[in-house]
């Protein structure tokens, strides 16, 4: 690290060799998704550095710039005042600090420092529409509002605003998630978000992913849900549901703080440095959250939501693999017509109880033994069920559960392909006989539980992760999915819509095409179980839905929510 910081030689032959490597990397990374991201940035940030400074840069410069130009950049920007060294691990802090001082204390740079880049001014914009045609990219409709960047330093006040905005956007995300789960949904998935883009601008946005060609219902639903949120705000019941869920997640993180993984800690510190934020531990994050929600009102949340979707816009961006007949004028007309449709406040949701608490009389074990050297207990029940219990100290306050049943691949038909990738999204999203997936999330908002389905060579599996106080509910949830899974048609239909575009996205890149063809060439009945499409996860702060696209460029400074499926 010390040699890299100040002693690089820039041997001319090595520089020339690396030119070809960078050109090859650019060719490999030039995917439909990246081109869609470039289109997004050029649309929202015309004339600003943000729109044309994605990594790798200008290939003409890479190919032709003399060695001295690379050396000048190195001397101007690889400097001790720009560097942060992060060390996280199982070591003596004093010893490590001494080693760092011995190695880096003499690092100086006598050359002139390079200036910070000029980001460029945000230009005033009116409502505008742009269509980006990109085969192999996710079809999506985005409505974007741009504002001057918030340059205030990280503080309790900015974090309070972030908590309020997160809660309001969580309500929007949940509303749009429920729409995507409905019968004949207007889009495949979507939601709202707020981003700070490299100090160039802040954006509020609403995104809806759609099946190829179905752009109009998607953009109309996105526009109307955004407007419903701004005009009518969130309700107290909706807000408290999100408070419960986020607080539960923060409490769980605080309980397991002592066993956070080293890479996650190092990454968190690095992000804080890059974003000029204060690094805080999970207990502090929980305390800040509780202090904010104790004094907040619904009016506070609604005010910040209105501010989020204010400014230049809306800028409507449609990404589609095929042209839209009539072009941008048709999209603009549809959007303007949608804006004239009155929107009402959403209906109140009826409170529900968790009904899966009784599965019959519990049986006493018929046998129990301990494998001492593995610290493992084996339990057998009269009905043949076998239980394995293995205590670990890997993660505080966490219990992992996996249930195996049936024959897995061995139970599948041998005369046709079986889409195993659909098991988890169709089963879990299908909910239970007495509760839809949305209702399950509502009823269990205060519990740390999960369910994931899969298939192995010799068993089908249901698994979940929980904490000690929610262990019983977690077991009830898994038992309910085993005994009363609903297998509703809507998730399967949604996966059919997603799968077509997923395959197109795979085929649009060399790696994806190879992975797809290599897998489907396997001479087995389950060869259609190529890499599964992205799965929905419950929204969490500062997370993005991997199946929504185009997504903003990384790294992006954000204290707010991205969108959820």
Protein backbone atom coordinates (compact mmCIF):
# COMPACT_ATOMS: atom_id res chain seq x y z
CA UNK A 1 0.00 0.00 0.00
CA UNK A 2 2.80 2.43 0.83
CA UNK A 3 4.60 1.76 -2.44
CA UNK A 4 1.39 2.17 -4.41
CA UNK A 5 0.64 5.46 -2.68
CA UNK A 6 3.80 7.27 -3.75
CA UNK A 7 6.39 5.10 -5.47
CA UNK A 8 4.82 3.89 -8.72
CA UNK A 9 7.35 3.91 -11.57
CA UNK A 10 5.03 4.15 -14.59
CA UNK A 11 7.37 2.13 -16.71
CA UNK A 12 6.52 3.02 -20.35
CA UNK A 13 6.18 -0.61 -21.40
CA UNK A 14 3.90 -1.35 -18.42
CA UNK A 15 1.77 1.70 -19.26
CA UNK A 16 1.37 0.55 -22.85
CA UNK A 17 0.43 -2.98 -21.76
CA UNK A 18 -2.22 -1.60 -19.45
CA UNK A 19 -3.85 0.45 -22.20
CA UNK A 20 -5.04 -2.73 -23.87
CA UNK A 21 -6.29 -4.12 -20.58
CA UNK A 22 -8.42 -1.02 -19.97
CA UNK A 23 -9.81 -1.10 -23.52
CA UNK A 24 -10.76 -4.75 -22.96
CA UNK A 25 -12.41 -3.91 -19.66
CA UNK A 26 -14.44 -1.17 -21.33
CA UNK A 27 -15.63 -3.59 -23.99
CA UNK A 28 -16.64 -6.17 -21.39
CA UNK A 29 -18.42 -3.65 -19.19
CA UNK A 30 -20.27 -1.98 -22.06
CA UNK A 31 -23.52 -3.73 -21.23
CA UNK A 32 -27.10 -2.64 -21.98
CA UNK A 33 -27.46 -1.77 -18.30
CA UNK A 34 -24.44 0.53 -18.37
CA UNK A 35 -25.63 2.21 -21.56
CA UNK A 36 -29.03 2.75 -19.94
CA UNK A 37 -27.32 4.32 -16.93
CA UNK A 38 -25.34 6.64 -19.19
CA UNK A 39 -28.57 7.65 -20.90
CA UNK A 40 -30.15 8.38 -17.52
CA UNK A 41 -27.27 10.62 -16.42
CA UNK A 42 -27.08 12.47 -19.73
CA UNK A 43 -30.83 13.10 -19.51
CA UNK A 44 -30.93 14.37 -15.93
CA UNK A 45 -27.55 16.17 -15.87
CA UNK A 46 -26.89 17.75 -19.28
CA UNK A 47 -23.79 19.89 -19.28
CA UNK A 48 -22.62 18.61 -15.89
CA UNK A 49 -19.53 16.50 -15.35
CA UNK A 50 -21.73 13.76 -13.91
CA UNK A 51 -23.14 12.96 -17.34
CA UNK A 52 -19.85 11.96 -18.99
CA UNK A 53 -17.44 10.87 -16.26
CA UNK A 54 -18.32 7.27 -15.51
CA UNK A 55 -15.28 5.09 -14.67
CA UNK A 56 -12.84 3.97 -17.41
CA UNK A 57 -13.19 7.35 -19.06
CA UNK A 58 -12.30 8.43 -22.59
CA UNK A 59 -10.72 5.62 -24.61
CA UNK A 60 -9.01 8.09 -26.94
CA UNK A 61 -7.09 9.38 -23.93
CA UNK A 62 -6.39 5.87 -22.66
CA UNK A 63 -5.00 4.85 -26.05
CA UNK A 64 -2.94 7.95 -26.86
CA UNK A 65 -2.05 9.90 -23.72
CA UNK A 66 1.72 10.00 -23.12
CA UNK A 67 3.20 8.48 -19.99
CA UNK A 68 3.80 11.95 -18.54
CA UNK A 69 0.08 12.68 -18.43
CA UNK A 70 -0.52 9.67 -16.16
CA UNK A 71 2.41 10.71 -13.98
CA UNK A 72 1.06 14.24 -13.66
CA UNK A 73 -2.34 12.93 -12.55
CA UNK A 74 -0.71 10.58 -10.05
CA UNK A 75 1.34 13.36 -8.50
CA UNK A 76 -1.62 15.74 -8.36
CA UNK A 77 -4.17 13.41 -6.76
CA UNK A 78 -2.39 10.53 -5.01
CA UNK A 79 -1.59 12.60 -1.95
CA UNK A 80 -1.57 12.03 1.83
CA UNK A 81 -4.20 14.73 2.41
CA UNK A 82 -6.58 12.84 0.09
CA UNK A 83 -5.92 9.40 1.58
CA UNK A 84 -7.67 7.45 4.31
CA UNK A 85 -6.32 4.12 5.54
CA UNK A 86 -8.85 1.80 7.16
CA UNK A 87 -7.80 -1.27 9.17
CA UNK A 88 -10.40 -3.59 10.69
CA UNK A 89 -9.66 -6.98 12.20
CA UNK A 90 -8.45 -9.11 15.08
CA UNK A 91 -5.29 -7.23 16.04
CA UNK A 92 -3.80 -5.11 18.81
CA UNK A 93 -4.85 -1.55 17.97
CA UNK A 94 -1.70 0.07 19.40
CA UNK A 95 0.57 -2.30 17.50
CA UNK A 96 -1.32 -1.74 14.24
CA UNK A 97 -1.29 2.02 14.68
CA UNK A 98 2.47 1.95 15.27
CA UNK A 99 3.01 -0.06 12.10
CA UNK A 100 0.90 2.36 10.08
CA UNK A 101 2.79 5.35 11.48
CA UNK A 102 6.17 3.73 10.77
CA UNK A 103 5.13 3.00 7.19
CA UNK A 104 3.22 6.14 6.23
CA UNK A 105 4.51 8.97 8.45
CA UNK A 106 7.21 9.96 5.93
CA UNK A 107 4.81 10.11 2.99
CA UNK A 108 4.99 13.55 1.43
CA UNK A 109 4.18 14.97 -1.98
CA UNK A 110 6.04 18.09 -3.02
CA UNK A 111 4.20 18.45 -6.33
CA UNK A 112 1.28 20.91 -6.71
CA UNK A 113 -2.07 19.52 -5.63
CA UNK A 114 -4.73 19.04 -8.27
CA UNK A 115 -7.97 21.00 -7.95
CA UNK A 116 -11.30 19.41 -7.15
CA UNK A 117 -13.31 18.78 -10.30
CA UNK A 118 -15.88 21.34 -11.36
CA UNK A 119 -19.19 19.48 -11.17
CA UNK A 120 -21.17 22.08 -13.09
CA UNK A 121 -24.35 23.94 -12.27
CA UNK A 122 -27.77 22.35 -12.21
CA UNK A 123 -29.80 23.80 -15.07
CA UNK A 124 -33.49 24.77 -14.71
CA UNK A 125 -35.72 22.24 -16.48
CA UNK A 126 -39.36 21.99 -17.42
CA UNK A 127 -41.26 18.75 -17.87
CA UNK A 128 -39.52 16.68 -20.55
CA UNK A 129 -39.69 13.19 -22.01
CA UNK A 130 -36.89 11.03 -23.39
CA UNK A 131 -37.02 7.50 -24.78
CA UNK A 132 -33.89 5.38 -24.62
CA UNK A 133 -34.05 2.33 -26.87
CA UNK A 134 -31.80 -0.40 -25.52
CA UNK A 135 -32.27 -4.07 -26.43
CA UNK A 136 -31.30 -6.25 -23.49
CA UNK A 137 -32.10 -3.65 -20.83
CA UNK A 138 -34.96 -3.78 -18.35
CA UNK A 139 -38.04 -1.96 -19.66
CA UNK A 140 -38.74 0.83 -17.20
CA UNK A 141 -40.54 4.14 -16.81
CA UNK A 142 -38.97 6.74 -14.52
CA UNK A 143 -40.31 10.06 -13.32
CA UNK A 144 -37.51 12.24 -11.94
CA UNK A 145 -37.36 15.59 -10.15
CA UNK A 146 -33.97 17.31 -9.80
CA UNK A 147 -32.93 19.83 -7.14
CA UNK A 148 -29.82 21.68 -6.06
CA UNK A 149 -27.57 19.37 -4.02
CA UNK A 150 -27.86 19.50 -0.25
CA UNK A 151 -24.31 20.40 0.82
CA UNK A 152 -24.98 20.53 4.56
CA UNK A 153 -22.67 18.40 6.70
CA UNK A 154 -23.92 15.24 8.35
CA UNK A 155 -25.77 16.19 11.53
CA UNK A 156 -28.67 15.15 13.72
CA UNK A 157 -30.89 17.49 11.74
CA UNK A 158 -30.00 16.01 8.35
CA UNK A 159 -30.42 12.53 9.78
CA UNK A 160 -33.82 13.45 11.16
CA UNK A 161 -34.87 14.56 7.70
CA UNK A 162 -33.47 11.31 6.30
CA UNK A 163 -35.51 9.22 8.75
CA UNK A 164 -38.70 11.11 7.90
CA UNK A 165 -38.06 10.76 4.17
CA UNK A 166 -37.21 7.06 4.53
CA UNK A 167 -40.45 6.40 6.35
CA UNK A 168 -42.55 8.23 3.77
CA UNK A 169 -40.85 6.52 0.83
CA UNK A 170 -41.29 3.17 2.58
CA UNK A 171 -45.05 3.78 2.50
CA UNK A 172 -44.85 4.57 -1.24
CA UNK A 173 -42.75 1.47 -1.88
CA UNK A 174 -45.22 -0.71 -0.04
CA UNK A 175 -48.17 0.73 -1.96
CA UNK A 176 -46.42 0.06 -5.27
CA UNK A 177 -45.37 -3.40 -4.13
CA UNK A 178 -49.00 -4.23 -3.41
CA UNK A 179 -49.96 -2.96 -6.88
CA UNK A 180 -47.36 -5.21 -8.49
CA UNK A 181 -48.79 -8.19 -6.56
CA UNK A 182 -52.36 -7.53 -7.67
CA UNK A 183 -54.23 -9.36 -10.39
CA UNK A 184 -53.37 -7.87 -13.81
CA UNK A 185 -50.87 -5.38 -12.29
CA UNK A 186 -49.91 -2.20 -14.19
CA UNK A 187 -46.20 -2.97 -13.77
CA UNK A 188 -43.87 -5.76 -12.71
CA UNK A 189 -42.26 -3.87 -9.87
CA UNK A 190 -41.41 -0.38 -8.79
CA UNK A 191 -41.17 2.22 -6.09
CA UNK A 192 -39.82 5.61 -5.15
CA UNK A 193 -36.51 6.94 -3.96
CA UNK A 194 -34.26 9.88 -3.20
CA UNK A 195 -30.61 10.12 -4.16
CA UNK A 196 -27.74 12.54 -3.79
CA UNK A 197 -25.67 12.23 -6.97
CA UNK A 198 -21.99 13.09 -6.44
CA UNK A 199 -22.71 16.55 -5.13
CA UNK A 200 -24.16 17.46 -8.53
CA UNK A 201 -27.85 17.28 -7.65
CA UNK A 202 -30.47 15.65 -5.47
CA UNK A 203 -33.20 13.68 -7.20
CA UNK A 204 -36.59 12.34 -6.23
CA UNK A 205 -37.90 9.62 -8.49
CA UNK A 206 -40.57 7.01 -9.07
CA UNK A 207 -39.80 3.93 -11.15
CA UNK A 208 -42.01 1.24 -12.68
CA UNK A 209 -40.61 -1.79 -14.53
CA UNK A 210 -42.93 -3.20 -17.16
CA UNK A 211 -43.27 -5.98 -19.66
CA UNK A 212 -41.99 -5.05 -23.09
CA UNK A 213 -44.47 -2.71 -24.77
CA UNK A 214 -46.62 -2.08 -21.68
CA UNK A 215 -45.16 1.35 -20.93
CA UNK A 216 -48.45 3.29 -20.71
CA UNK A 217 -50.11 1.58 -17.71
CA UNK A 218 -46.74 1.59 -15.95
CA UNK A 219 -46.07 5.29 -16.28
CA UNK A 220 -49.70 6.16 -15.49
CA UNK A 221 -49.65 4.07 -12.30
CA UNK A 222 -46.30 5.52 -11.24
CA UNK A 223 -47.47 9.08 -11.84
CA UNK A 224 -50.74 8.60 -9.99
CA UNK A 225 -49.18 6.86 -6.99
CA UNK A 226 -46.58 9.62 -6.67
CA UNK A 227 -49.30 12.25 -6.91
CA UNK A 228 -51.50 10.36 -4.43
CA UNK A 229 -48.62 10.45 -1.97
CA UNK A 230 -47.99 14.18 -2.44
CA UNK A 231 -51.66 15.22 -2.37
CA UNK A 232 -52.97 12.99 0.40
CA UNK A 233 -49.80 12.04 2.25
CA UNK A 234 -49.39 8.98 4.42
CA UNK A 235 -51.74 7.87 7.15
CA UNK A 236 -50.85 7.35 10.79
CA UNK A 237 -51.46 3.62 10.45
CA UNK A 238 -49.19 3.33 7.39
CA UNK A 239 -46.51 5.36 9.12
CA UNK A 240 -46.57 3.30 12.30
CA UNK A 241 -46.30 0.09 10.33
CA UNK A 242 -43.07 1.31 8.74
CA UNK A 243 -41.82 2.58 12.10
CA UNK A 244 -42.36 -0.88 13.57
CA UNK A 245 -40.58 -2.65 10.75
CA UNK A 246 -37.59 -0.34 10.58
CA UNK A 247 -37.21 -0.22 14.35
CA UNK A 248 -37.25 -4.00 14.47
CA UNK A 249 -34.49 -4.16 11.85
CA UNK A 250 -32.40 -1.58 13.74
CA UNK A 251 -32.89 -3.42 17.04
CA UNK A 252 -31.78 -6.62 15.39
CA UNK A 253 -28.68 -4.90 13.98
CA UNK A 254 -27.83 -3.43 17.38
CA UNK A 255 -28.21 -6.80 19.10
CA UNK A 256 -25.76 -8.39 16.65
CA UNK A 257 -23.30 -5.49 16.47
CA UNK A 258 -20.52 -7.40 18.27
CA UNK A 259 -20.42 -10.04 15.54
CA UNK A 260 -20.53 -7.81 12.47
CA UNK A 261 -18.27 -9.12 9.74
CA UNK A 262 -14.96 -7.38 9.14
CA UNK A 263 -15.56 -6.56 5.44
CA UNK A 264 -18.92 -4.98 6.30
CA UNK A 265 -17.30 -2.79 8.95
CA UNK A 266 -14.50 -1.73 6.62
CA UNK A 267 -17.02 -1.00 3.87
CA UNK A 268 -19.17 1.07 6.22
CA UNK A 269 -16.18 3.14 7.29
CA UNK A 270 -15.14 3.64 3.68
CA UNK A 271 -18.61 4.79 2.66
CA UNK A 272 -18.72 7.23 5.55
CA UNK A 273 -15.39 8.74 4.49
CA UNK A 274 -16.41 8.98 0.82
CA UNK A 275 -19.75 10.57 1.72
CA UNK A 276 -18.23 12.84 4.38
CA UNK A 277 -20.56 11.32 6.96
CA UNK A 278 -20.03 10.47 10.61
CA UNK A 279 -19.66 6.72 11.08
CA UNK A 280 -22.10 5.56 13.74
CA UNK A 281 -22.68 2.11 15.22
CA UNK A 282 -26.02 0.27 15.18
CA UNK A 283 -26.88 1.31 18.74
CA UNK A 284 -26.47 4.98 17.83
CA UNK A 285 -28.51 4.52 14.67
CA UNK A 286 -31.30 2.98 16.74
CA UNK A 287 -31.15 5.78 19.30
CA UNK A 288 -31.35 8.46 16.60
CA UNK A 289 -34.28 6.69 14.96
CA UNK A 290 -36.19 6.38 18.23
CA UNK A 291 -35.60 10.02 19.07
CA UNK A 292 -36.91 11.12 15.68
CA UNK A 293 -40.07 9.00 15.68
CA UNK A 294 -40.90 9.94 19.27
CA UNK A 295 -41.41 13.57 18.31
CA UNK A 296 -42.46 13.34 14.65
CA UNK A 297 -45.93 13.84 13.25
CA UNK A 298 -47.62 12.69 10.07
CA UNK A 299 -47.49 16.30 8.91
CA UNK A 300 -43.69 16.28 9.26
CA UNK A 301 -43.39 13.23 7.01
CA UNK A 302 -45.82 14.58 4.43
CA UNK A 303 -43.99 17.91 4.27
CA UNK A 304 -40.66 16.30 3.47
CA UNK A 305 -42.28 14.03 0.89
CA UNK A 306 -43.68 17.05 -0.92
CA UNK A 307 -40.21 18.59 -0.90
CA UNK A 308 -38.68 15.37 -2.24
CA UNK A 309 -40.85 15.47 -5.36
CA UNK A 310 -40.33 19.16 -6.05
CA UNK A 311 -37.96 20.99 -8.36
CA UNK A 312 -37.19 20.49 -12.05
CA UNK A 313 -39.51 18.04 -13.71
CA UNK A 314 -41.02 15.68 -13.91
CA UNK A 315 -38.42 14.33 -16.32
CA UNK A 316 -39.89 11.21 -17.88
CA UNK A 317 -37.41 8.56 -19.03
CA UNK A 318 -38.62 5.43 -20.79
CA UNK A 319 -36.10 2.64 -21.35
CA UNK A 320 -37.37 0.06 -23.81
CA UNK A 321 -35.87 -2.55 -26.13
CA UNK A 322 -38.06 -1.44 -29.01
CA UNK A 323 -39.25 1.92 -30.36
CA UNK A 324 -42.53 3.43 -29.17
CA UNK A 325 -44.82 4.38 -32.02
CA UNK A 326 -45.28 8.13 -31.96
CA UNK A 327 -42.15 8.66 -29.89
CA UNK A 328 -41.78 11.10 -27.00
CA UNK A 329 -44.88 13.06 -27.99
CA UNK A 330 -47.10 10.03 -27.35
CA UNK A 331 -45.51 9.40 -23.95
CA UNK A 332 -45.85 13.07 -23.00
CA UNK A 333 -49.53 13.06 -23.99
CA UNK A 334 -50.19 9.94 -21.93
CA UNK A 335 -48.43 11.46 -18.93
CA UNK A 336 -50.36 14.73 -19.22
CA UNK A 337 -53.64 12.82 -19.49
CA UNK A 338 -52.76 10.82 -16.40
CA UNK A 339 -52.07 14.03 -14.48
CA UNK A 340 -55.70 15.03 -15.04
CA UNK A 341 -57.05 11.86 -13.39
CA UNK A 342 -58.20 12.57 -9.80
CA UNK A 343 -56.54 10.44 -7.12
CA UNK A 344 -58.06 9.52 -3.78
CA UNK A 345 -56.42 8.63 -0.51
CA UNK A 346 -55.84 4.89 -0.16
CA UNK A 347 -58.37 2.91 1.84
CA UNK A 348 -57.47 2.03 5.41
CA UNK A 349 -56.07 -1.47 5.97
CA UNK A 350 -57.90 -3.70 8.41
CA UNK A 351 -55.85 -5.00 11.33
CA UNK A 352 -55.26 -8.76 11.30
CA UNK A 353 -53.93 -11.45 13.62
CA UNK A 354 -51.43 -14.24 12.95
CA UNK A 355 -53.63 -17.35 12.59
CA UNK A 356 -50.99 -20.10 12.36
CA UNK A 357 -50.33 -20.93 15.99
CA UNK A 358 -51.78 -24.44 16.39
CA UNK A 359 -50.34 -27.43 14.53
CA UNK A 360 -51.62 -30.14 16.82
CA UNK A 361 -50.27 -31.78 19.96
CA UNK A 362 -46.50 -31.74 20.21
CA UNK A 363 -44.89 -35.17 20.42
CA UNK A 364 -42.10 -36.11 22.80
CA UNK A 365 -38.78 -37.11 21.16
CA UNK A 366 -38.24 -40.83 20.70
CA UNK A 367 -34.46 -40.53 20.74
CA UNK A 368 -31.78 -37.94 21.48
CA UNK A 369 -28.00 -38.05 21.22
CA UNK A 370 -25.05 -35.67 21.25
CA UNK A 371 -21.98 -35.60 19.02
CA UNK A 372 -19.57 -34.16 21.56
CA UNK A 373 -16.68 -33.15 19.31
CA UNK A 374 -19.05 -31.25 16.99
CA UNK A 375 -21.19 -29.75 19.75
CA UNK A 376 -24.26 -31.02 17.92
CA UNK A 377 -27.48 -32.51 19.29
CA UNK A 378 -29.53 -34.99 17.24
CA UNK A 379 -33.21 -35.51 18.07
CA UNK A 380 -35.65 -38.00 16.49
CA UNK A 381 -39.44 -37.87 16.79
CA UNK A 382 -41.93 -40.76 16.52
CA UNK A 383 -43.17 -39.61 13.11
CA UNK A 384 -39.66 -39.86 11.65
CA UNK A 385 -38.80 -36.17 11.76
CA UNK A 386 -35.17 -35.57 12.69
CA UNK A 387 -33.85 -32.40 14.32
CA UNK A 388 -30.22 -31.22 14.33
CA UNK A 389 -29.21 -28.39 16.68
CA UNK A 390 -25.78 -26.75 16.39
CA UNK A 391 -24.94 -23.74 18.62
CA UNK A 392 -22.41 -21.23 17.24
CA UNK A 393 -21.12 -17.81 18.19
CA UNK A 394 -20.81 -16.53 14.61
CA UNK A 395 -23.62 -13.97 14.94
CA UNK A 396 -25.13 -12.66 18.16
CA UNK A 397 -28.91 -12.91 18.55
CA UNK A 398 -29.39 -14.85 15.32
CA UNK A 399 -30.93 -18.26 14.69
CA UNK A 400 -30.82 -19.92 11.26
CA UNK A 401 -33.40 -22.58 10.46
CA UNK A 402 -33.47 -24.95 7.49
CA UNK A 403 -36.14 -27.60 6.91
CA UNK A 404 -35.59 -30.39 4.39
CA UNK A 405 -38.35 -32.60 3.00
CA UNK A 406 -39.07 -34.72 -0.05
CA UNK A 407 -36.57 -35.85 -2.66
CA UNK A 408 -35.61 -32.60 -4.38
CA UNK A 409 -34.31 -33.24 -7.91
CA UNK A 410 -35.06 -36.93 -7.50
CA UNK A 411 -38.79 -36.14 -7.24
CA UNK A 412 -38.90 -34.10 -10.45
CA UNK A 413 -40.24 -35.47 -13.73
CA UNK A 414 -37.59 -36.75 -16.10
CA UNK A 415 -39.49 -36.10 -19.33
CA UNK A 416 -39.56 -32.28 -19.26
CA UNK A 417 -37.72 -29.22 -17.99
CA UNK A 418 -38.57 -27.98 -14.52
CA UNK A 419 -38.20 -24.22 -13.77
CA UNK A 420 -36.73 -24.57 -10.30
CA UNK A 421 -35.90 -20.84 -10.26
CA UNK A 422 -39.63 -20.19 -9.80
CA UNK A 423 -40.01 -22.16 -6.57
CA UNK A 424 -38.90 -19.46 -4.17
CA UNK A 425 -40.58 -16.37 -5.71
CA UNK A 426 -43.81 -18.21 -6.53
CA UNK A 427 -44.08 -20.04 -3.21
CA UNK A 428 -43.09 -17.21 -0.87
CA UNK A 429 -44.86 -14.46 -2.83
CA UNK A 430 -47.98 -16.64 -3.10
CA UNK A 431 -48.51 -16.36 0.63
CA UNK A 432 -50.66 -18.69 2.71
CA UNK A 433 -54.20 -19.95 2.55
CA UNK A 434 -55.41 -17.47 5.17
CA UNK A 435 -53.04 -14.57 4.40
CA UNK A 436 -51.58 -13.01 1.28
CA UNK A 437 -47.90 -12.13 1.26
CA UNK A 438 -48.79 -8.48 1.87
CA UNK A 439 -50.91 -9.47 4.87
CA UNK A 440 -48.13 -11.68 6.23
CA UNK A 441 -45.76 -8.70 6.14
CA UNK A 442 -48.37 -6.56 7.85
CA UNK A 443 -49.10 -9.05 10.64
CA UNK A 444 -45.43 -9.91 11.27
CA UNK A 445 -44.02 -6.39 10.88
CA UNK A 446 -42.59 -6.45 14.42
CA UNK A 447 -41.00 -9.88 14.03
CA UNK A 448 -37.63 -10.75 12.52
CA UNK A 449 -38.65 -13.73 10.39
CA UNK A 450 -38.18 -14.82 6.79
CA UNK A 451 -38.93 -17.65 4.41
CA UNK A 452 -36.96 -18.86 1.41
CA UNK A 453 -37.65 -21.97 -0.68
CA UNK A 454 -35.22 -24.04 -2.67
CA UNK A 455 -34.46 -27.45 -4.11
CA UNK A 456 -31.36 -29.59 -3.82
CA UNK A 457 -30.38 -32.89 -5.34
CA UNK A 458 -32.08 -34.87 -2.60
CA UNK A 459 -34.51 -32.52 -0.82
CA UNK A 460 -36.75 -29.49 -1.07
CA UNK A 461 -35.95 -26.83 1.52
CA UNK A 462 -37.57 -24.00 3.41
CA UNK A 463 -35.27 -21.77 5.41
CA UNK A 464 -35.36 -18.63 7.47
CA UNK A 465 -33.38 -16.38 9.80
CA UNK A 466 -34.71 -15.03 13.10
CA UNK A 467 -33.77 -13.91 16.59
CA UNK A 468 -34.41 -15.76 19.87
CA UNK A 469 -37.57 -13.84 20.80
CA UNK A 470 -39.13 -14.56 17.40
CA UNK A 471 -38.03 -18.18 17.08
CA UNK A 472 -41.50 -19.61 17.72
CA UNK A 473 -43.07 -17.35 15.09
CA UNK A 474 -40.35 -18.30 12.62
CA UNK A 475 -41.12 -21.99 13.12
CA UNK A 476 -44.84 -21.31 12.75
CA UNK A 477 -44.17 -19.44 9.50
CA UNK A 478 -42.18 -22.32 8.02
CA UNK A 479 -44.75 -24.87 9.18
CA UNK A 480 -47.54 -22.77 7.65
CA UNK A 481 -45.78 -22.69 4.28
CA UNK A 482 -45.33 -26.47 4.43
CA UNK A 483 -48.96 -27.14 5.31
CA UNK A 484 -50.96 -24.26 3.81
CA UNK A 485 -49.04 -22.61 0.96
CA UNK A 486 -51.50 -20.80 -1.30
CA UNK A 487 -49.66 -21.07 -4.64
CA UNK A 488 -51.59 -18.05 -5.93
CA UNK A 489 -51.37 -17.44 -9.70
CA UNK A 490 -50.30 -13.77 -9.57
CA UNK A 491 -46.65 -14.41 -8.53
CA UNK A 492 -46.27 -17.02 -11.27
CA UNK A 493 -47.67 -14.66 -13.89
CA UNK A 494 -45.35 -11.92 -12.65
CA UNK A 495 -42.35 -14.22 -12.85
CA UNK A 496 -43.31 -15.11 -16.41
CA UNK A 497 -43.19 -11.41 -17.28
CA UNK A 498 -39.87 -10.92 -15.52
CA UNK A 499 -38.29 -14.04 -16.97
CA UNK A 500 -38.57 -12.96 -20.60
CA UNK A 501 -36.68 -9.74 -19.95
CA UNK A 502 -34.22 -11.50 -17.66
CA UNK A 503 -33.27 -13.89 -20.46
CA UNK A 504 -32.90 -10.98 -22.88
CA UNK A 505 -30.60 -9.25 -20.40
CA UNK A 506 -28.52 -12.41 -20.02
CA UNK A 507 -28.16 -12.87 -23.77
CA UNK A 508 -27.05 -9.24 -24.16
CA UNK A 509 -23.69 -9.84 -22.42
CA UNK A 510 -20.98 -12.38 -23.25
CA UNK A 511 -20.82 -13.70 -19.69
CA UNK A 512 -24.58 -13.98 -19.39
CA UNK A 513 -24.96 -15.70 -22.74
CA UNK A 514 -22.26 -18.21 -21.87
CA UNK A 515 -23.74 -18.88 -18.43
CA UNK A 516 -27.19 -19.38 -19.91
CA UNK A 517 -26.14 -21.65 -22.75
CA UNK A 518 -23.71 -23.62 -20.60
CA UNK A 519 -26.44 -24.33 -18.05
CA UNK A 520 -29.21 -25.22 -20.47
CA UNK A 521 -26.88 -27.62 -22.25
CA UNK A 522 -26.70 -29.82 -19.17
CA UNK A 523 -28.33 -33.17 -20.08
CA UNK A 524 -30.69 -33.19 -17.10
CA UNK A 525 -34.38 -32.60 -16.55
CA UNK A 526 -33.61 -29.64 -14.30
CA UNK A 527 -31.28 -27.85 -16.67
CA UNK A 528 -33.78 -25.01 -17.08
CA UNK A 529 -32.93 -23.94 -13.57
CA UNK A 530 -30.32 -21.51 -14.79
CA UNK A 531 -29.42 -18.57 -12.61
CA UNK A 532 -32.71 -17.43 -11.07
CA UNK A 533 -34.13 -14.01 -11.78
CA UNK A 534 -33.53 -11.41 -9.07
CA UNK A 535 -35.68 -12.08 -6.03
CA UNK A 536 -37.72 -9.57 -4.12
CA UNK A 537 -36.48 -8.60 -0.71
CA UNK A 538 -38.16 -6.52 1.92
CA UNK A 539 -37.06 -2.94 1.65
CA UNK A 540 -34.28 -1.77 3.95
CA UNK A 541 -32.61 1.61 4.40
CA UNK A 542 -30.03 2.50 1.73
CA UNK A 543 -30.80 -0.57 -0.38
CA UNK A 544 -31.67 -0.86 -4.03
CA UNK A 545 -33.75 -3.45 -5.74
CA UNK A 546 -31.38 -5.41 -7.93
CA UNK A 547 -34.08 -6.19 -10.45
CA UNK A 548 -35.13 -2.57 -11.00
CA UNK A 549 -33.23 -0.83 -13.76
CA UNK A 550 -31.72 1.34 -14.92
CA UNK A 551 -30.29 2.05 -11.50
CA UNK A 552 -28.22 5.11 -10.61
CA UNK A 553 -24.45 4.85 -10.92
CA UNK A 554 -22.48 3.58 -7.97
CA UNK A 555 -21.12 4.84 -5.71
CA UNK A 556 -24.01 7.16 -4.90
CA UNK A 557 -24.33 9.06 -1.68
CA UNK A 558 -27.66 8.22 -0.17
CA UNK A 559 -29.24 8.21 3.23
CA UNK A 560 -32.63 7.35 1.79
CA UNK A 561 -34.54 4.46 0.34
CA UNK A 562 -34.19 3.10 -3.13
CA UNK A 563 -37.11 1.21 -4.55
CA UNK A 564 -38.46 -2.21 -3.69
CA UNK A 565 -40.13 -4.95 -5.69
